[in-house]
């Protein structure tokens, strides 16, 4: 959602620098997060816009009681969960994800990498949501204490969920359990 669209949707309030900075820093991670929750392209765009709007509205209330990354991920995950629940079922792949651009020296290695990323994203999407949340943030290199804060669980629970998610992913991707 462009800044103009957000501003138009929310009235005349002007977007400030905090939103621009947050989006510049976390936009790509949030796009990956949205992709892990929503398999349908146009619905991913809708969810991303919902998250952008929620962030824009929430930033003025940020009290610095946690890191900005924790704050952003908590809002994004809550919005994504609401989206999934409103849909009435967990996302099932009905459309293929577009190839993820990953510049490599040769077209062959790029094609292999893209195929692996697509397979991984599809496997992540088949995980139960509690494991999907953890593995998505780990792939974005969010530390376990922040994951615990985002999800409102203990660090030990994050570790348990992560181990179970990894095991399920290995099984989904054809590896040894």
N, C-alpha and C. Protein backbone atom coordinates (compact mmCIF):
# COMPACT_ATOMS: atom_id res chain seq x y z
N UNK A 1 0.86 -1.17 0.00
CA UNK A 1 0.00 0.00 0.00
C UNK A 1 0.90 1.22 0.00
N UNK A 2 0.66 2.10 -0.90
CA UNK A 2 1.48 3.30 -0.96
C UNK A 2 1.13 4.23 0.19
N UNK A 3 2.04 5.14 0.47
CA UNK A 3 1.79 6.10 1.54
C UNK A 3 0.53 6.90 1.25
N UNK A 4 0.33 7.26 -0.01
CA UNK A 4 -0.85 8.05 -0.36
C UNK A 4 -2.13 7.27 -0.08
N UNK A 5 -2.13 5.95 -0.39
CA UNK A 5 -3.30 5.14 -0.13
C UNK A 5 -3.58 5.01 1.36
N UNK A 6 -2.52 4.82 2.15
CA UNK A 6 -2.70 4.73 3.60
C UNK A 6 -3.26 6.05 4.12
N UNK A 7 -2.68 7.15 3.68
CA UNK A 7 -3.14 8.46 4.13
C UNK A 7 -4.59 8.70 3.71
N UNK A 8 -4.93 8.32 2.49
CA UNK A 8 -6.30 8.49 2.00
C UNK A 8 -7.25 7.63 2.82
N UNK A 9 -6.85 6.40 3.11
CA UNK A 9 -7.69 5.48 3.88
C UNK A 9 -7.92 5.98 5.30
N UNK A 10 -6.95 6.64 5.86
CA UNK A 10 -7.02 7.06 7.26
C UNK A 10 -7.35 8.54 7.41
N UNK A 11 -7.78 9.17 6.37
CA UNK A 11 -8.09 10.59 6.47
C UNK A 11 -6.88 11.41 6.09
N UNK A 12 -6.82 12.62 6.62
CA UNK A 12 -5.76 13.54 6.24
C UNK A 12 -4.48 13.39 7.05
N UNK A 13 -4.47 12.47 8.02
CA UNK A 13 -3.26 12.34 8.83
C UNK A 13 -2.08 12.00 7.95
N UNK A 14 -0.98 12.70 8.16
CA UNK A 14 0.21 12.52 7.34
C UNK A 14 1.08 11.42 7.92
N UNK A 15 1.62 10.60 7.03
CA UNK A 15 2.55 9.56 7.47
C UNK A 15 3.85 10.21 7.89
N UNK A 16 4.36 9.78 9.01
CA UNK A 16 5.60 10.35 9.50
C UNK A 16 6.78 9.47 9.18
N UNK A 17 7.91 9.94 9.59
CA UNK A 17 9.15 9.21 9.36
C UNK A 17 9.17 7.85 10.05
N UNK A 18 8.59 7.70 11.25
CA UNK A 18 8.66 6.38 11.89
C UNK A 18 8.09 5.27 11.00
N UNK A 19 6.97 5.50 10.37
CA UNK A 19 6.39 4.48 9.49
C UNK A 19 7.33 4.19 8.33
N UNK A 20 7.85 5.23 7.70
CA UNK A 20 8.76 5.03 6.57
C UNK A 20 9.99 4.23 6.98
N UNK A 21 10.54 4.55 8.15
CA UNK A 21 11.72 3.84 8.63
C UNK A 21 11.40 2.38 8.94
N UNK A 22 10.27 2.15 9.59
CA UNK A 22 9.87 0.78 9.93
C UNK A 22 9.64 -0.02 8.66
N UNK A 23 8.95 0.57 7.70
CA UNK A 23 8.67 -0.17 6.47
C UNK A 23 9.95 -0.45 5.69
N UNK A 24 10.87 0.52 5.67
CA UNK A 24 12.15 0.31 4.97
C UNK A 24 12.94 -0.83 5.61
N UNK A 25 12.89 -0.91 6.93
CA UNK A 25 13.66 -1.93 7.64
C UNK A 25 13.00 -3.30 7.63
N UNK A 26 11.68 -3.37 7.73
CA UNK A 26 11.00 -4.65 7.92
C UNK A 26 10.09 -5.05 6.77
N UNK A 27 9.97 -4.25 5.75
CA UNK A 27 9.03 -4.53 4.65
C UNK A 27 9.24 -5.88 4.01
N UNK A 28 10.47 -6.22 3.66
CA UNK A 28 10.73 -7.50 3.00
C UNK A 28 10.44 -8.67 3.93
N UNK A 29 10.79 -8.55 5.20
CA UNK A 29 10.50 -9.62 6.16
C UNK A 29 8.99 -9.80 6.30
N UNK A 30 8.26 -8.70 6.32
CA UNK A 30 6.80 -8.80 6.45
C UNK A 30 6.18 -9.39 5.20
N UNK A 31 6.75 -9.13 4.05
CA UNK A 31 6.25 -9.75 2.82
C UNK A 31 6.44 -11.27 2.88
N UNK A 32 7.59 -11.73 3.41
CA UNK A 32 7.81 -13.17 3.56
C UNK A 32 6.84 -13.74 4.58
N UNK A 33 6.63 -13.02 5.67
CA UNK A 33 5.70 -13.47 6.70
C UNK A 33 4.30 -13.64 6.10
N UNK A 34 3.86 -12.66 5.33
CA UNK A 34 2.54 -12.72 4.70
C UNK A 34 2.46 -13.93 3.77
N UNK A 35 3.54 -14.20 3.05
CA UNK A 35 3.56 -15.33 2.14
C UNK A 35 3.43 -16.66 2.89
N UNK A 36 3.91 -16.71 4.12
CA UNK A 36 3.80 -17.96 4.88
C UNK A 36 2.38 -18.19 5.40
N UNK A 37 1.58 -17.14 5.49
CA UNK A 37 0.21 -17.26 5.96
C UNK A 37 -0.81 -17.39 4.83
N UNK A 38 -0.51 -16.85 3.68
CA UNK A 38 -1.52 -16.75 2.63
C UNK A 38 -0.98 -17.23 1.29
N UNK A 39 -1.55 -18.31 0.74
CA UNK A 39 -1.06 -18.84 -0.54
C UNK A 39 -1.59 -18.10 -1.76
N UNK A 40 -2.71 -17.42 -1.65
CA UNK A 40 -3.35 -16.78 -2.80
C UNK A 40 -2.78 -15.38 -2.98
N UNK A 41 -2.29 -15.11 -4.20
CA UNK A 41 -1.56 -13.87 -4.47
C UNK A 41 -2.36 -12.63 -4.09
N UNK A 42 -3.59 -12.50 -4.58
CA UNK A 42 -4.35 -11.27 -4.30
C UNK A 42 -4.70 -11.16 -2.81
N UNK A 43 -4.88 -12.27 -2.14
CA UNK A 43 -5.15 -12.24 -0.70
C UNK A 43 -3.90 -11.86 0.08
N UNK A 44 -2.71 -12.23 -0.43
CA UNK A 44 -1.46 -11.81 0.21
C UNK A 44 -1.33 -10.30 0.16
N UNK A 45 -1.69 -9.73 -0.98
CA UNK A 45 -1.63 -8.28 -1.12
C UNK A 45 -2.57 -7.60 -0.14
N UNK A 46 -3.77 -8.17 0.02
CA UNK A 46 -4.74 -7.62 0.99
C UNK A 46 -4.20 -7.70 2.41
N UNK A 47 -3.64 -8.86 2.76
CA UNK A 47 -3.10 -9.04 4.11
C UNK A 47 -1.95 -8.07 4.36
N UNK A 48 -1.09 -7.91 3.38
CA UNK A 48 0.04 -6.99 3.53
C UNK A 48 -0.48 -5.57 3.76
N UNK A 49 -1.52 -5.18 3.05
CA UNK A 49 -2.08 -3.85 3.24
C UNK A 49 -2.70 -3.72 4.63
N UNK A 50 -3.35 -4.78 5.11
CA UNK A 50 -3.92 -4.76 6.47
C UNK A 50 -2.81 -4.56 7.50
N UNK A 51 -1.70 -5.25 7.30
CA UNK A 51 -0.57 -5.12 8.23
C UNK A 51 0.02 -3.72 8.16
N UNK A 52 0.18 -3.19 6.95
CA UNK A 52 0.71 -1.84 6.80
C UNK A 52 -0.18 -0.83 7.52
N UNK A 53 -1.46 -0.94 7.35
CA UNK A 53 -2.39 -0.03 7.98
C UNK A 53 -2.34 -0.17 9.51
N UNK A 54 -2.31 -1.41 10.00
CA UNK A 54 -2.24 -1.64 11.44
C UNK A 54 -0.95 -1.06 12.03
N UNK A 55 0.16 -1.23 11.32
CA UNK A 55 1.43 -0.65 11.78
C UNK A 55 1.36 0.86 11.82
N UNK A 56 0.83 1.44 10.77
CA UNK A 56 0.74 2.89 10.69
C UNK A 56 -0.08 3.44 11.85
N UNK A 57 -1.17 2.77 12.15
CA UNK A 57 -2.03 3.23 13.25
C UNK A 57 -1.36 3.00 14.62
N UNK A 58 -0.62 1.90 14.76
CA UNK A 58 -0.07 1.52 16.06
C UNK A 58 1.22 2.25 16.42
N UNK A 59 1.96 2.72 15.44
CA UNK A 59 3.26 3.32 15.72
C UNK A 59 3.18 4.50 16.69
N UNK A 60 2.12 5.27 16.64
CA UNK A 60 2.02 6.41 17.55
C UNK A 60 1.88 5.95 19.00
N UNK A 61 1.44 4.72 19.22
CA UNK A 61 1.29 4.20 20.57
C UNK A 61 2.47 3.35 21.05
N UNK A 62 3.53 3.28 20.24
CA UNK A 62 4.69 2.47 20.62
C UNK A 62 5.37 3.08 21.85
N UNK A 63 5.45 2.28 22.94
CA UNK A 63 5.96 2.78 24.21
C UNK A 63 7.41 2.36 24.50
N UNK A 64 8.06 1.73 23.57
CA UNK A 64 9.46 1.32 23.70
C UNK A 64 9.67 0.36 24.86
N UNK A 65 8.65 -0.45 25.16
CA UNK A 65 8.79 -1.47 26.21
C UNK A 65 9.41 -2.75 25.64
N UNK A 66 9.55 -2.82 24.34
CA UNK A 66 10.20 -3.92 23.66
C UNK A 66 10.92 -3.33 22.45
N UNK A 67 11.62 -4.16 21.70
CA UNK A 67 12.31 -3.65 20.52
C UNK A 67 11.28 -3.33 19.44
N UNK A 68 11.64 -2.48 18.52
CA UNK A 68 10.73 -2.13 17.43
C UNK A 68 10.43 -3.36 16.59
N UNK A 69 11.40 -4.25 16.44
CA UNK A 69 11.18 -5.48 15.67
C UNK A 69 10.13 -6.35 16.33
N UNK A 70 10.22 -6.50 17.66
CA UNK A 70 9.21 -7.27 18.39
C UNK A 70 7.84 -6.65 18.21
N UNK A 71 7.76 -5.34 18.32
CA UNK A 71 6.50 -4.61 18.16
C UNK A 71 5.91 -4.85 16.77
N UNK A 72 6.74 -4.72 15.75
CA UNK A 72 6.29 -4.88 14.36
C UNK A 72 5.83 -6.32 14.12
N UNK A 73 6.61 -7.29 14.55
CA UNK A 73 6.24 -8.69 14.34
C UNK A 73 4.97 -9.06 15.11
N UNK A 74 4.80 -8.52 16.31
CA UNK A 74 3.60 -8.83 17.08
C UNK A 74 2.36 -8.33 16.33
N UNK A 75 2.43 -7.11 15.83
CA UNK A 75 1.31 -6.56 15.06
C UNK A 75 1.06 -7.40 13.81
N UNK A 76 2.13 -7.72 13.10
CA UNK A 76 1.98 -8.47 11.85
C UNK A 76 1.41 -9.86 12.10
N UNK A 77 1.93 -10.56 13.11
CA UNK A 77 1.42 -11.90 13.40
C UNK A 77 -0.03 -11.85 13.86
N UNK A 78 -0.38 -10.89 14.69
CA UNK A 78 -1.77 -10.78 15.13
C UNK A 78 -2.69 -10.51 13.95
N UNK A 79 -2.29 -9.62 13.05
CA UNK A 79 -3.10 -9.32 11.88
C UNK A 79 -3.24 -10.55 11.00
N UNK A 80 -2.11 -11.29 10.83
CA UNK A 80 -2.13 -12.49 9.99
C UNK A 80 -3.03 -13.57 10.59
N UNK A 81 -2.97 -13.74 11.90
CA UNK A 81 -3.84 -14.72 12.56
C UNK A 81 -5.31 -14.34 12.38
N UNK A 82 -5.61 -13.08 12.55
CA UNK A 82 -6.98 -12.62 12.36
C UNK A 82 -7.43 -12.89 10.92
N UNK A 83 -6.55 -12.64 9.99
CA UNK A 83 -6.84 -12.89 8.58
C UNK A 83 -7.16 -14.37 8.34
N UNK A 84 -6.33 -15.25 8.91
CA UNK A 84 -6.53 -16.69 8.74
C UNK A 84 -7.85 -17.12 9.38
N UNK A 85 -8.12 -16.63 10.57
CA UNK A 85 -9.35 -17.01 11.26
C UNK A 85 -10.58 -16.48 10.51
N UNK A 86 -10.49 -15.29 9.98
CA UNK A 86 -11.62 -14.74 9.24
C UNK A 86 -11.88 -15.54 7.97
N UNK A 87 -10.86 -16.09 7.41
CA UNK A 87 -11.00 -16.91 6.22
C UNK A 87 -11.69 -18.22 6.56
N UNK A 88 -11.61 -18.62 7.83
CA UNK A 88 -12.32 -19.81 8.28
C UNK A 88 -11.56 -21.11 8.15
N UNK A 89 -10.37 -21.06 7.63
CA UNK A 89 -9.56 -22.27 7.51
C UNK A 89 -8.11 -21.89 7.32
N UNK A 90 -7.24 -22.82 7.58
CA UNK A 90 -5.82 -22.58 7.33
C UNK A 90 -5.58 -22.55 5.83
N UNK A 91 -4.61 -21.75 5.44
CA UNK A 91 -4.32 -21.58 4.02
C UNK A 91 -3.87 -22.91 3.41
N UNK A 92 -4.50 -23.27 2.31
CA UNK A 92 -4.10 -24.42 1.50
C UNK A 92 -3.65 -23.87 0.16
N UNK A 93 -2.58 -24.35 -0.35
CA UNK A 93 -2.03 -23.80 -1.59
C UNK A 93 -2.99 -24.04 -2.75
N UNK A 94 -3.57 -22.96 -3.25
CA UNK A 94 -4.44 -23.06 -4.41
C UNK A 94 -3.80 -22.40 -5.62
N UNK A 95 -2.79 -21.63 -5.37
CA UNK A 95 -2.01 -21.02 -6.46
C UNK A 95 -0.54 -21.19 -6.11
N UNK A 96 0.26 -21.33 -7.10
CA UNK A 96 1.70 -21.41 -6.89
C UNK A 96 2.24 -20.03 -6.59
N UNK A 97 3.25 -19.99 -5.71
CA UNK A 97 3.92 -18.72 -5.46
C UNK A 97 4.75 -18.34 -6.69
N UNK A 98 4.89 -17.08 -6.95
CA UNK A 98 5.76 -16.70 -8.06
C UNK A 98 7.20 -17.04 -7.70
N UNK A 99 8.01 -17.17 -8.70
CA UNK A 99 9.41 -17.44 -8.44
C UNK A 99 9.99 -16.29 -7.61
N UNK A 100 10.77 -16.65 -6.63
CA UNK A 100 11.40 -15.66 -5.77
C UNK A 100 12.72 -15.28 -6.42
N UNK A 101 12.87 -14.00 -6.68
CA UNK A 101 14.10 -13.59 -7.35
C UNK A 101 15.28 -13.74 -6.41
N UNK A 102 16.29 -14.41 -6.90
CA UNK A 102 17.49 -14.67 -6.13
C UNK A 102 18.66 -14.65 -7.11
N UNK A 103 19.30 -13.49 -7.30
CA UNK A 103 20.35 -13.39 -8.31
C UNK A 103 21.52 -14.32 -8.02
N UNK A 104 21.81 -15.16 -8.96
CA UNK A 104 22.92 -16.10 -8.88
C UNK A 104 23.74 -15.99 -10.15
N UNK A 105 24.94 -16.53 -10.13
CA UNK A 105 25.81 -16.43 -11.30
C UNK A 105 25.22 -17.08 -12.56
N UNK A 106 24.47 -18.18 -12.41
CA UNK A 106 23.95 -18.84 -13.60
C UNK A 106 22.45 -19.05 -13.48
N UNK A 107 21.75 -19.14 -14.60
CA UNK A 107 20.31 -19.38 -14.56
C UNK A 107 19.96 -20.73 -13.92
N UNK A 108 20.81 -21.73 -14.11
CA UNK A 108 20.53 -23.04 -13.54
C UNK A 108 20.52 -23.00 -12.01
N UNK A 109 21.53 -22.36 -11.43
CA UNK A 109 21.58 -22.31 -9.97
C UNK A 109 20.44 -21.46 -9.42
N UNK A 110 20.06 -20.43 -10.16
CA UNK A 110 18.92 -19.60 -9.75
C UNK A 110 17.64 -20.41 -9.78
N UNK A 111 17.45 -21.21 -10.83
CA UNK A 111 16.24 -22.04 -10.94
C UNK A 111 16.18 -23.07 -9.82
N UNK A 112 17.30 -23.68 -9.51
CA UNK A 112 17.35 -24.66 -8.42
C UNK A 112 17.03 -24.00 -7.10
N UNK A 113 17.63 -22.87 -6.85
CA UNK A 113 17.40 -22.13 -5.60
C UNK A 113 15.93 -21.73 -5.47
N UNK A 114 15.36 -21.22 -6.56
CA UNK A 114 13.96 -20.81 -6.54
C UNK A 114 13.04 -21.99 -6.27
N UNK A 115 13.34 -23.10 -6.87
CA UNK A 115 12.53 -24.30 -6.66
C UNK A 115 12.61 -24.75 -5.20
N UNK A 116 13.79 -24.68 -4.62
CA UNK A 116 13.96 -25.05 -3.22
C UNK A 116 13.20 -24.09 -2.31
N UNK A 117 13.27 -22.80 -2.59
CA UNK A 117 12.55 -21.82 -1.78
C UNK A 117 11.05 -22.02 -1.88
N UNK A 118 10.58 -22.30 -3.08
CA UNK A 118 9.16 -22.55 -3.29
C UNK A 118 8.71 -23.78 -2.51
N UNK A 119 9.50 -24.84 -2.59
CA UNK A 119 9.18 -26.07 -1.85
C UNK A 119 9.19 -25.81 -0.35
N UNK A 120 10.16 -25.05 0.12
CA UNK A 120 10.23 -24.73 1.54
C UNK A 120 9.02 -23.93 1.97
N UNK A 121 8.64 -22.90 1.21
CA UNK A 121 7.49 -22.07 1.57
C UNK A 121 6.20 -22.90 1.56
N UNK A 122 6.06 -23.79 0.59
CA UNK A 122 4.88 -24.65 0.56
C UNK A 122 4.85 -25.58 1.76
N UNK A 123 6.02 -26.12 2.13
CA UNK A 123 6.09 -27.00 3.30
C UNK A 123 5.79 -26.22 4.58
N UNK A 124 6.31 -25.01 4.68
CA UNK A 124 6.03 -24.17 5.85
C UNK A 124 4.53 -23.88 5.94
N UNK A 125 3.92 -23.62 4.82
CA UNK A 125 2.49 -23.31 4.80
C UNK A 125 1.64 -24.49 5.26
N UNK A 126 2.15 -25.73 5.12
CA UNK A 126 1.41 -26.92 5.55
C UNK A 126 1.57 -27.20 7.04
N UNK A 127 2.52 -26.52 7.69
CA UNK A 127 2.73 -26.73 9.13
C UNK A 127 1.55 -26.17 9.93
N UNK A 128 1.31 -26.75 11.11
CA UNK A 128 0.33 -26.11 12.01
C UNK A 128 0.78 -24.68 12.30
N UNK A 129 -0.15 -23.81 12.51
CA UNK A 129 0.14 -22.38 12.62
C UNK A 129 1.12 -22.05 13.74
N UNK A 130 1.08 -22.78 14.85
CA UNK A 130 2.00 -22.47 15.96
C UNK A 130 3.45 -22.75 15.57
N UNK A 131 3.67 -23.72 14.69
CA UNK A 131 5.03 -24.00 14.23
C UNK A 131 5.41 -23.05 13.09
N UNK A 132 4.44 -22.71 12.27
CA UNK A 132 4.66 -21.78 11.16
C UNK A 132 5.13 -20.43 11.67
N UNK A 133 4.53 -19.96 12.76
CA UNK A 133 4.91 -18.66 13.32
C UNK A 133 6.39 -18.66 13.71
N UNK A 134 6.79 -19.69 14.43
CA UNK A 134 8.17 -19.75 14.94
C UNK A 134 9.17 -19.88 13.81
N UNK A 135 8.93 -20.81 12.89
CA UNK A 135 9.92 -21.06 11.84
C UNK A 135 10.06 -19.85 10.91
N UNK A 136 8.97 -19.13 10.67
CA UNK A 136 9.05 -17.94 9.81
C UNK A 136 9.95 -16.89 10.43
N UNK A 137 9.82 -16.66 11.73
CA UNK A 137 10.67 -15.66 12.36
C UNK A 137 12.12 -16.12 12.47
N UNK A 138 12.34 -17.41 12.70
CA UNK A 138 13.71 -17.93 12.77
C UNK A 138 14.40 -17.74 11.41
N UNK A 139 13.66 -17.98 10.33
CA UNK A 139 14.24 -17.79 9.00
C UNK A 139 14.59 -16.33 8.74
N UNK A 140 13.92 -15.41 9.42
CA UNK A 140 14.26 -13.99 9.33
C UNK A 140 15.26 -13.57 10.40
N UNK A 141 15.86 -14.56 11.06
CA UNK A 141 16.91 -14.36 12.05
C UNK A 141 16.46 -13.53 13.26
N UNK A 142 15.20 -13.72 13.65
CA UNK A 142 14.70 -13.09 14.87
C UNK A 142 15.16 -13.95 16.03
N UNK A 143 15.82 -13.36 17.04
CA UNK A 143 16.30 -14.15 18.18
C UNK A 143 15.13 -14.77 18.97
N UNK A 144 15.40 -15.91 19.59
CA UNK A 144 14.35 -16.62 20.32
C UNK A 144 13.70 -15.77 21.41
N UNK A 145 14.43 -14.94 22.15
CA UNK A 145 13.74 -14.11 23.16
C UNK A 145 12.71 -13.17 22.52
N UNK A 146 13.02 -12.64 21.34
CA UNK A 146 12.06 -11.76 20.66
C UNK A 146 10.87 -12.55 20.13
N UNK A 147 11.13 -13.76 19.64
CA UNK A 147 10.03 -14.61 19.18
C UNK A 147 9.09 -14.88 20.35
N UNK A 148 9.67 -15.18 21.50
CA UNK A 148 8.85 -15.44 22.70
C UNK A 148 8.01 -14.21 23.04
N UNK A 149 8.60 -13.03 22.94
CA UNK A 149 7.86 -11.80 23.24
C UNK A 149 6.76 -11.55 22.22
N UNK A 150 7.04 -11.80 20.94
CA UNK A 150 6.04 -11.59 19.90
C UNK A 150 4.84 -12.51 20.11
N UNK A 151 5.12 -13.77 20.40
CA UNK A 151 4.05 -14.77 20.50
C UNK A 151 3.46 -14.89 21.90
N UNK A 152 4.10 -14.25 22.88
CA UNK A 152 3.59 -14.32 24.24
C UNK A 152 3.77 -15.69 24.87
N UNK A 153 4.89 -16.34 24.56
CA UNK A 153 5.20 -17.65 25.13
C UNK A 153 6.61 -17.61 25.72
N UNK A 154 7.00 -18.68 26.41
CA UNK A 154 8.34 -18.71 27.00
C UNK A 154 9.39 -19.06 25.93
N UNK A 155 10.63 -18.75 26.25
CA UNK A 155 11.72 -19.10 25.33
C UNK A 155 11.83 -20.62 25.19
N UNK A 156 11.58 -21.35 26.28
CA UNK A 156 11.60 -22.81 26.20
C UNK A 156 10.53 -23.31 25.24
N UNK A 157 9.36 -22.70 25.28
CA UNK A 157 8.29 -23.10 24.37
C UNK A 157 8.68 -22.79 22.93
N UNK A 158 9.37 -21.67 22.72
CA UNK A 158 9.85 -21.35 21.37
C UNK A 158 10.79 -22.45 20.89
N UNK A 159 11.71 -22.88 21.75
CA UNK A 159 12.67 -23.93 21.37
C UNK A 159 11.95 -25.24 21.05
N UNK A 160 10.97 -25.58 21.85
CA UNK A 160 10.21 -26.82 21.60
C UNK A 160 9.48 -26.73 20.27
N UNK A 161 8.79 -25.61 20.05
CA UNK A 161 8.06 -25.43 18.79
C UNK A 161 9.00 -25.45 17.60
N UNK A 162 10.16 -24.84 17.76
CA UNK A 162 11.14 -24.81 16.68
C UNK A 162 11.63 -26.22 16.34
N UNK A 163 11.95 -27.00 17.37
CA UNK A 163 12.40 -28.38 17.13
C UNK A 163 11.32 -29.19 16.43
N UNK A 164 10.09 -29.05 16.87
CA UNK A 164 8.98 -29.78 16.25
C UNK A 164 8.75 -29.31 14.82
N UNK A 165 8.87 -28.01 14.60
CA UNK A 165 8.69 -27.46 13.25
C UNK A 165 9.78 -27.99 12.31
N UNK A 166 11.00 -28.03 12.79
CA UNK A 166 12.10 -28.53 11.96
C UNK A 166 11.88 -30.00 11.61
N UNK A 167 11.44 -30.78 12.60
CA UNK A 167 11.18 -32.20 12.36
C UNK A 167 10.09 -32.37 11.31
N UNK A 168 9.00 -31.62 11.46
CA UNK A 168 7.91 -31.71 10.49
C UNK A 168 8.35 -31.26 9.10
N UNK A 169 9.18 -30.22 9.05
CA UNK A 169 9.68 -29.75 7.75
C UNK A 169 10.55 -30.81 7.07
N UNK A 170 11.40 -31.45 7.86
CA UNK A 170 12.24 -32.51 7.30
C UNK A 170 11.36 -33.61 6.71
N UNK A 171 10.31 -33.98 7.43
CA UNK A 171 9.40 -35.03 6.94
C UNK A 171 8.67 -34.56 5.68
N UNK A 172 8.21 -33.31 5.68
CA UNK A 172 7.50 -32.74 4.53
C UNK A 172 8.40 -32.70 3.29
N UNK A 173 9.67 -32.39 3.51
CA UNK A 173 10.60 -32.22 2.40
C UNK A 173 11.30 -33.53 2.01
N UNK A 174 10.89 -34.62 2.66
CA UNK A 174 11.41 -35.93 2.26
C UNK A 174 12.68 -36.36 2.94
N UNK A 175 13.07 -35.67 3.99
CA UNK A 175 14.28 -36.06 4.72
C UNK A 175 13.95 -37.05 5.81
N UNK A 176 14.97 -37.44 6.55
CA UNK A 176 14.77 -38.36 7.68
C UNK A 176 14.08 -37.63 8.81
N UNK A 177 13.14 -38.28 9.50
CA UNK A 177 12.45 -37.63 10.63
C UNK A 177 13.34 -37.35 11.80
